[in-house]
Protein backbone atom coordinates (compact mmCIF):
# COMPACT_ATOMS: atom_id res chain seq x y z
CA MET A 1 0.00 0.00 0.00
CA ALA A 2 2.79 2.42 0.88
CA SER A 3 4.49 1.59 -2.42
CA SER A 4 1.44 2.62 -4.50
CA VAL A 5 1.09 5.92 -2.61
CA THR A 6 4.77 6.68 -3.29
CA GLU A 7 4.31 5.84 -6.97
CA VAL A 8 1.31 8.16 -7.23
CA LEU A 9 3.19 11.00 -5.51
CA VAL A 10 6.26 10.55 -7.73
CA GLY A 11 4.02 10.41 -10.81
CA GLY A 12 2.30 13.61 -9.73
CA VAL A 13 5.65 15.39 -9.23
CA VAL A 14 6.85 14.24 -12.67
CA LEU A 15 3.59 15.37 -14.29
CA ALA A 16 3.77 18.77 -12.55
CA GLY A 17 7.38 19.17 -13.73
CA ALA A 18 6.40 18.34 -17.32
CA VAL A 19 3.56 20.89 -17.25
CA ALA A 20 5.88 23.55 -15.78
CA PHE A 21 8.52 22.84 -18.44
CA GLY A 22 5.90 23.04 -21.20
CA ALA A 23 4.58 26.35 -19.88
CA TYR A 24 8.13 27.74 -19.69
CA ALA A 25 8.90 26.61 -23.26
CA VAL A 26 5.74 28.26 -24.61
CA THR A 27 6.32 31.58 -22.84
CA SER A 28 10.05 31.80 -23.57
CA THR A 29 9.62 31.22 -27.32
CA GLY A 30 6.72 33.62 -27.66
CA TYR A 31 4.52 30.92 -29.20
CA THR A 32 0.83 31.69 -29.29
CA LEU A 33 -2.09 29.52 -30.32
CA SER A 34 -3.97 32.39 -31.94
CA GLN A 35 -2.61 34.44 -34.82
CA GLN A 36 -2.90 38.01 -33.63
CA GLY A 37 -1.84 40.68 -36.06
CA TYR A 38 -2.17 41.35 -39.75
CA PRO A 39 -0.95 39.28 -42.71
CA LEU A 40 1.57 40.27 -45.40
CA THR A 41 3.17 38.32 -48.23
CA ALA A 42 6.53 38.42 -50.02
CA SER A 43 8.18 36.55 -52.88
CA PHE A 44 11.81 35.40 -52.66
CA ARG A 45 14.34 33.75 -54.96
CA SER A 46 15.42 31.57 -52.02
CA LEU A 47 14.08 31.02 -48.50
CA GLU A 48 16.81 28.59 -47.49
CA GLY A 49 16.91 28.18 -43.71
CA VAL A 50 13.52 29.84 -43.08
CA SER A 51 10.54 27.75 -42.04
CA VAL A 52 7.02 28.27 -40.74
CA GLY A 53 7.36 29.79 -37.28
CA SER A 54 10.63 31.62 -38.01
CA ASP A 55 10.97 35.07 -36.46
CA VAL A 56 10.24 38.28 -38.33
CA ARG A 57 12.34 41.02 -36.75
CA LEU A 58 12.56 44.79 -36.98
CA ALA A 59 15.68 46.38 -35.46
CA GLY A 60 16.44 43.03 -33.82
CA VAL A 61 13.07 42.85 -32.06
CA LYS A 62 10.60 40.08 -32.91
CA VAL A 63 7.51 41.72 -34.43
CA GLY A 64 5.94 38.72 -36.13
CA SER A 65 6.44 35.25 -37.53
CA VAL A 66 6.38 33.33 -40.79
CA THR A 67 2.99 31.64 -41.19
CA GLY A 68 3.35 29.93 -44.55
CA ILE A 69 5.80 29.01 -47.30
CA ALA A 70 4.90 27.73 -50.76
CA LEU A 71 6.47 27.46 -54.20
CA ASP A 72 4.90 29.46 -57.03
CA PRO A 73 4.84 26.92 -59.90
CA GLU A 74 4.83 29.63 -62.57
CA THR A 75 7.73 31.81 -61.36
CA TYR A 76 9.61 29.17 -59.32
CA ARG A 77 9.91 31.66 -56.47
CA ALA A 78 9.24 30.97 -52.80
CA GLU A 79 6.07 32.69 -51.62
CA MET A 80 6.09 33.56 -47.93
CA SER A 81 3.17 34.57 -45.72
CA LEU A 82 3.89 36.38 -42.48
CA THR A 83 1.90 37.90 -39.66
CA LEU A 84 2.99 41.11 -37.94
CA GLN A 85 1.81 42.51 -34.62
CA ASP A 86 -1.07 44.98 -34.98
CA GLN A 87 0.82 47.87 -33.35
CA VAL A 88 3.76 47.56 -35.80
CA LYS A 89 3.13 49.56 -38.98
CA ILE A 90 5.59 49.02 -41.83
CA PRO A 91 6.21 51.82 -44.39
CA ASP A 92 5.26 50.70 -47.90
CA ASP A 93 8.80 51.22 -49.25
CA SER A 94 10.37 48.84 -46.73
CA ALA A 95 12.60 45.91 -47.69
CA ILE A 96 12.47 42.39 -46.29
CA VAL A 97 15.64 40.29 -46.11
CA VAL A 98 16.44 36.72 -45.10
CA THR A 99 19.46 36.96 -42.83
CA SER A 100 21.45 34.73 -40.50
CA GLU A 101 22.18 34.99 -36.77
CA GLY A 102 25.80 34.05 -37.44
CA LEU A 103 27.88 31.25 -38.92
CA LEU A 104 26.16 28.57 -36.87
CA GLY A 105 22.90 30.37 -36.10
CA GLY A 106 19.57 29.93 -37.81
CA ASN A 107 18.02 32.20 -40.40
CA PHE A 108 15.29 34.73 -39.74
CA VAL A 109 13.47 37.44 -41.66
CA GLU A 110 14.55 41.06 -41.09
CA ILE A 111 12.46 44.06 -42.10
CA SER A 112 14.41 47.14 -43.11
CA PRO A 113 11.93 50.03 -42.80
CA GLY A 114 11.69 52.70 -45.46
CA GLY A 115 10.82 56.33 -45.05
CA SER A 116 7.39 56.48 -46.67
CA ALA A 117 4.47 58.13 -44.91
CA PHE A 118 2.19 55.32 -46.14
CA PHE A 119 2.00 51.84 -44.60
CA TYR A 120 1.30 48.33 -45.88
CA GLU A 121 -2.33 47.35 -45.61
CA PRO A 122 -3.26 43.86 -44.33
CA GLY A 123 -2.77 41.30 -47.10
CA ALA A 124 -0.36 43.49 -49.10
CA GLU A 125 2.77 42.14 -50.78
CA ILE A 126 6.22 43.44 -49.88
CA LEU A 127 7.97 43.85 -53.24
CA ASP A 128 11.54 44.73 -52.17
CA THR A 129 12.92 41.34 -51.09
CA GLN A 130 16.33 39.73 -50.78
CA GLY A 131 16.59 35.97 -50.38
CA SER A 132 19.09 34.03 -48.33
CA VAL A 133 22.68 33.70 -49.46
CA SER A 134 24.10 30.20 -49.30
CA LEU A 135 27.24 30.10 -47.19
CA MET A 136 28.48 27.03 -49.08
CA SER A 137 28.23 28.76 -52.47
CA LEU A 138 30.14 31.76 -51.13
CA LEU A 139 32.89 29.52 -49.76
CA LEU A 140 33.11 27.57 -53.03
CA LYS A 141 33.44 30.83 -55.00
CA TYR A 142 36.19 32.02 -52.68
CA VAL A 143 38.09 28.72 -52.84
CA ALA A 144 37.75 28.60 -56.62
CA GLY A 145 39.14 32.14 -56.90
CA ASP A 146 35.95 33.73 -58.21
CA GLY A 147 35.44 35.83 -55.08
CA GLU A 148 37.46 38.84 -56.31
């Protein structure tokens, strides 16, 4: 009898620890179940290293996330959908760039704001885009002597 009570208590402690860890993971990553904000789209030559859920940052601060990636079969470009926080208004001459956190870091999407007095409306397409640059192709060019 004492053994089963101990097992139940240990099981309860393990379950409470798992719930606490899950709650910490959700809050520390900024994950939300509901998509709050407004949608935008962009078309890239390459979205290498970016996936659904990747950060969208402005001045290094997370202001949204990537919500969808698909290939346009006619243009062979990667079409990206993203959601930005409602309070963040992006000038309509802004650029969007896929960039890396470093040599070993992951890729994220950076918004470089323009100076226009007009802002993107929900559902608009950001036209000024720059896809990711493959580190391997840069290294191969340098080794081959084409990097001059």
